[in-house]
Amino acid sequence: MRPVINFATVAVLALVLSACGGTGGSVTTSGGARMMAPVSIEQVLTFDADTPVFVKGTLYSDANGVRLCEAIGESAPVSCLGDQITILDLDAFPEYADLLVGDGEVRTSNGEVDLVGFYSNGSLRIDPAAANADAS
């Protein structure tokens, strides 16, 4: 006999799983590495210095540097909107730097990206080792 899963069961399971992922706690990846659950830029801005983070946003690059933005304003000129974090040394990580597209001085990522690193005073230093660091 085949088990029957109804819509209510799926909805409750989805709600429980989504609640677990947004608290900024930690999860273990399939490879066994510890990784924080993704947090918003707004949440990261409240963290103490040298806090390991896993954050989601849209990359934006212009003459002033690279930032992770809450949103991108599409009307000319393209701009970084909402909360934002300065990204340090993006060029040291080609897998992230290559996500920037566009002509001219302003470049953005096509949609949201996930970055792992250490946050301090409005800046994120990308560092994959942050995935295994203790969050305080």
C-alpha atoms as a PDB file:
ATOM      1  CA  MET A   1       0.000   0.000   0.000  1.00  0.00           C
ATOM      2  CA  ARG A   2       1.348   3.458  -0.951  1.00  0.00           C
ATOM      3  CA  PRO A   3       1.599   6.066   1.808  1.00  0.00           C
ATOM      4  CA  VAL A   4      -0.671   9.064   1.318  1.00  0.00           C
ATOM      5  CA  ILE A   5       0.700  12.545   1.949  1.00  0.00           C
ATOM      6  CA  ASN A   6      -1.904  15.237   1.956  1.00  0.00           C
ATOM      7  CA  PHE A   7      -1.496  18.965   1.320  1.00  0.00           C
ATOM      8  CA  ALA A   8      -1.761  19.859   5.024  1.00  0.00           C
ATOM      9  CA  THR A   9       1.159  17.579   5.908  1.00  0.00           C
ATOM     10  CA  VAL A  10       3.333  19.107   3.173  1.00  0.00           C
ATOM     11  CA  ALA A  11       2.373  22.646   4.241  1.00  0.00           C
ATOM     12  CA  VAL A  12       3.242  22.008   7.895  1.00  0.00           C
ATOM     13  CA  LEU A  13       6.568  20.397   6.945  1.00  0.00           C
ATOM     14  CA  ALA A  14       7.447  23.356   4.685  1.00  0.00           C
ATOM     15  CA  LEU A  15       6.605  25.812   7.465  1.00  0.00           C
ATOM     16  CA  VAL A  16       8.770  23.956   9.985  1.00  0.00           C
ATOM     17  CA  LEU A  17      11.713  23.742   7.570  1.00  0.00           C
ATOM     18  CA  SER A  18      11.504  27.414   6.606  1.00  0.00           C
ATOM     19  CA  ALA A  19      11.404  28.436  10.266  1.00  0.00           C
ATOM     20  CA  CYS A  20      14.585  26.453  10.934  1.00  0.00           C
ATOM     21  CA  GLY A  21      16.547  28.115   8.155  1.00  0.00           C
ATOM     22  CA  GLY A  22      16.091  31.792   8.958  1.00  0.00           C
ATOM     23  CA  THR A  23      17.317  32.098  12.491  1.00  0.00           C
ATOM     24  CA  GLY A  24      21.024  32.521  11.845  1.00  0.00           C
ATOM     25  CA  GLY A  25      21.833  29.223  13.570  1.00  0.00           C
ATOM     26  CA  SER A  26      24.053  26.622  11.988  1.00  0.00           C
ATOM     27  CA  VAL A  27      23.515  23.631   9.769  1.00  0.00           C
ATOM     28  CA  THR A  28      25.810  20.859   8.585  1.00  0.00           C
ATOM     29  CA  THR A  29      26.433  20.461   4.867  1.00  0.00           C
ATOM     30  CA  SER A  30      26.440  17.097   3.146  1.00  0.00           C
ATOM     31  CA  GLY A  31      30.251  17.168   3.250  1.00  0.00           C
ATOM     32  CA  GLY A  32      30.190  17.502   7.035  1.00  0.00           C
ATOM     33  CA  ALA A  33      31.223  21.179   7.160  1.00  0.00           C
ATOM     34  CA  ARG A  34      29.329  23.429   9.545  1.00  0.00           C
ATOM     35  CA  MET A  35      27.592  26.340   7.823  1.00  0.00           C
ATOM     36  CA  MET A  36      25.465  29.112   9.251  1.00  0.00           C
ATOM     37  CA  ALA A  37      21.948  29.457   7.882  1.00  0.00           C
ATOM     38  CA  PRO A  38      21.694  32.486   5.574  1.00  0.00           C
ATOM     39  CA  VAL A  39      20.817  35.800   7.163  1.00  0.00           C
ATOM     40  CA  SER A  40      19.691  39.116   5.701  1.00  0.00           C
ATOM     41  CA  ILE A  41      21.975  42.106   5.242  1.00  0.00           C
ATOM     42  CA  GLU A  42      19.809  43.935   7.793  1.00  0.00           C
ATOM     43  CA  GLN A  43      20.608  41.265  10.396  1.00  0.00           C
ATOM     44  CA  VAL A  44      24.327  41.241   9.584  1.00  0.00           C
ATOM     45  CA  LEU A  45      24.551  45.006  10.182  1.00  0.00           C
ATOM     46  CA  THR A  46      23.692  44.382  13.843  1.00  0.00           C
ATOM     47  CA  PHE A  47      26.489  41.834  14.413  1.00  0.00           C
ATOM     48  CA  ASP A  48      29.658  42.397  16.448  1.00  0.00           C
ATOM     49  CA  ALA A  49      33.104  42.723  14.865  1.00  0.00           C
ATOM     50  CA  ASP A  50      34.674  39.615  13.289  1.00  0.00           C
ATOM     51  CA  THR A  51      31.424  37.636  13.225  1.00  0.00           C
ATOM     52  CA  PRO A  52      31.334  34.699  10.780  1.00  0.00           C
ATOM     53  CA  VAL A  53      28.328  35.074   8.472  1.00  0.00           C
ATOM     54  CA  PHE A  54      26.526  33.451   5.568  1.00  0.00           C
ATOM     55  CA  VAL A  55      24.615  36.288   3.885  1.00  0.00           C
ATOM     56  CA  LYS A  56      22.478  36.663   0.778  1.00  0.00           C
ATOM     57  CA  GLY A  57      22.199  39.745  -1.435  1.00  0.00           C
ATOM     58  CA  THR A  58      22.953  41.188  -4.873  1.00  0.00           C
ATOM     59  CA  LEU A  59      26.482  42.250  -5.824  1.00  0.00           C
ATOM     60  CA  TYR A  60      26.955  45.828  -7.040  1.00  0.00           C
ATOM     61  CA  SER A  61      30.252  47.277  -8.252  1.00  0.00           C
ATOM     62  CA  ASP A  62      31.067  50.870  -9.187  1.00  0.00           C
ATOM     63  CA  ALA A  63      33.951  53.339  -8.825  1.00  0.00           C
ATOM     64  CA  ASN A  64      33.443  53.278  -5.036  1.00  0.00           C
ATOM     65  CA  GLY A  65      34.021  49.521  -4.733  1.00  0.00           C
ATOM     66  CA  VAL A  66      31.918  46.384  -4.392  1.00  0.00           C
ATOM     67  CA  ARG A  67      28.867  46.100  -2.161  1.00  0.00           C
ATOM     68  CA  LEU A  68      26.309  43.443  -1.316  1.00  0.00           C
ATOM     69  CA  CYS A  69      22.920  45.124  -1.641  1.00  0.00           C
ATOM     70  CA  GLU A  70      19.446  44.329  -0.413  1.00  0.00           C
ATOM     71  CA  ALA A  71      18.107  45.318  -3.840  1.00  0.00           C
ATOM     72  CA  ILE A  72      19.221  46.860  -7.134  1.00  0.00           C
ATOM     73  CA  GLY A  73      17.457  49.868  -8.627  1.00  0.00           C
ATOM     74  CA  GLU A  74      17.036  49.050 -12.311  1.00  0.00           C
ATOM     75  CA  SER A  75      16.233  52.551 -13.564  1.00  0.00           C
ATOM     76  CA  ALA A  76      19.102  54.642 -14.899  1.00  0.00           C
ATOM     77  CA  PRO A  77      21.428  55.037 -13.235  1.00  0.00           C
ATOM     78  CA  VAL A  78      21.472  51.526 -11.751  1.00  0.00           C
ATOM     79  CA  SER A  79      21.969  51.809  -7.978  1.00  0.00           C
ATOM     80  CA  CYS A  80      22.385  49.829  -4.772  1.00  0.00           C
ATOM     81  CA  LEU A  81      19.201  50.124  -2.687  1.00  0.00           C
ATOM     82  CA  GLY A  82      18.356  49.374   0.926  1.00  0.00           C
ATOM     83  CA  ASP A  83      20.802  47.886   3.393  1.00  0.00           C
ATOM     84  CA  GLN A  84      24.288  47.206   2.052  1.00  0.00           C
ATOM     85  CA  ILE A  85      27.655  45.806   3.089  1.00  0.00           C
ATOM     86  CA  THR A  86      31.034  46.685   1.577  1.00  0.00           C
ATOM     87  CA  ILE A  87      32.774  43.597   0.162  1.00  0.00           C
ATOM     88  CA  LEU A  88      36.543  43.487   0.680  1.00  0.00           C
ATOM     89  CA  ASP A  89      38.959  41.810  -1.765  1.00  0.00           C
ATOM     90  CA  LEU A  90      36.329  40.312  -4.075  1.00  0.00           C
ATOM     91  CA  ASP A  91      38.974  39.900  -6.791  1.00  0.00           C
ATOM     92  CA  ALA A  92      40.773  37.325  -4.627  1.00  0.00           C
ATOM     93  CA  PHE A  93      37.793  35.008  -5.252  1.00  0.00           C
ATOM     94  CA  PRO A  94      37.230  34.698  -9.022  1.00  0.00           C
ATOM     95  CA  GLU A  95      34.160  32.512  -8.454  1.00  0.00           C
ATOM     96  CA  TYR A  96      32.462  35.603  -6.975  1.00  0.00           C
ATOM     97  CA  ALA A  97      34.133  38.325  -9.074  1.00  0.00           C
ATOM     98  CA  ASP A  98      33.030  36.521 -12.252  1.00  0.00           C
ATOM     99  CA  LEU A  99      29.394  36.908 -11.164  1.00  0.00           C
ATOM    100  CA  LEU A 100      29.547  40.665 -11.887  1.00  0.00           C
ATOM    101  CA  VAL A 101      28.148  41.516 -15.308  1.00  0.00           C
ATOM    102  CA  GLY A 102      27.469  44.724 -17.170  1.00  0.00           C
ATOM    103  CA  ASP A 103      29.093  47.299 -19.381  1.00  0.00           C
ATOM    104  CA  GLY A 104      30.826  50.378 -18.149  1.00  0.00           C
ATOM    105  CA  GLU A 105      31.577  51.432 -14.618  1.00  0.00           C
ATOM    106  CA  VAL A 106      28.565  49.821 -12.915  1.00  0.00           C
ATOM    107  CA  ARG A 107      28.280  46.027 -12.785  1.00  0.00           C
ATOM    108  CA  THR A 108      25.876  43.795 -10.841  1.00  0.00           C
ATOM    109  CA  SER A 109      25.224  40.119 -10.288  1.00  0.00           C
ATOM    110  CA  ASN A 110      22.273  38.544 -12.067  1.00  0.00           C
ATOM    111  CA  GLY A 111      20.177  37.965  -8.968  1.00  0.00           C
ATOM    112  CA  GLU A 112      21.111  37.101  -5.412  1.00  0.00           C
ATOM    113  CA  VAL A 113      24.371  35.477  -4.366  1.00  0.00           C
ATOM    114  CA  ASP A 114      25.402  33.766  -1.134  1.00  0.00           C
ATOM    115  CA  LEU A 115      28.636  34.955   0.487  1.00  0.00           C
ATOM    116  CA  VAL A 116      30.521  33.444   3.431  1.00  0.00           C
ATOM    117  CA  GLY A 117      33.011  35.457   5.429  1.00  0.00           C
ATOM    118  CA  PHE A 118      33.705  37.593   8.460  1.00  0.00           C
ATOM    119  CA  TYR A 119      31.672  40.767   9.043  1.00  0.00           C
ATOM    120  CA  SER A 120      33.102  43.784  10.839  1.00  0.00           C
ATOM    121  CA  ASN A 121      32.023  47.453  10.874  1.00  0.00           C
ATOM    122  CA  GLY A 122      29.993  47.500   7.655  1.00  0.00           C
ATOM    123  CA  SER A 123      32.365  45.274   5.660  1.00  0.00           C
ATOM    124  CA  LEU A 124      32.509  41.605   4.739  1.00  0.00           C
ATOM    125  CA  ARG A 125      35.861  39.877   4.250  1.00  0.00           C
ATOM    126  CA  ILE A 126      35.104  36.820   2.123  1.00  0.00           C
ATOM    127  CA  ASP A 127      36.594  33.720   3.737  1.00  0.00           C
ATOM    128  CA  PRO A 128      35.300  30.167   3.203  1.00  0.00           C
ATOM    129  CA  ALA A 129      36.801  29.242   6.603  1.00  0.00           C
ATOM    130  CA  ALA A 130      34.025  31.295   8.218  1.00  0.00           C
ATOM    131  CA  ALA A 131      31.704  28.370   7.481  1.00  0.00           C
ATOM    132  CA  ASN A 132      33.471  26.406  10.221  1.00  0.00           C
ATOM    133  CA  ALA A 133      34.029  29.254  12.701  1.00  0.00           C
ATOM    134  CA  ASP A 134      32.026  29.621  15.894  1.00  0.00           C
ATOM    135  CA  ALA A 135      29.358  32.319  15.640  1.00  0.00           C
ATOM    136  CA  SER A 136      28.976  34.362  18.793  1.00  0.00           C
END
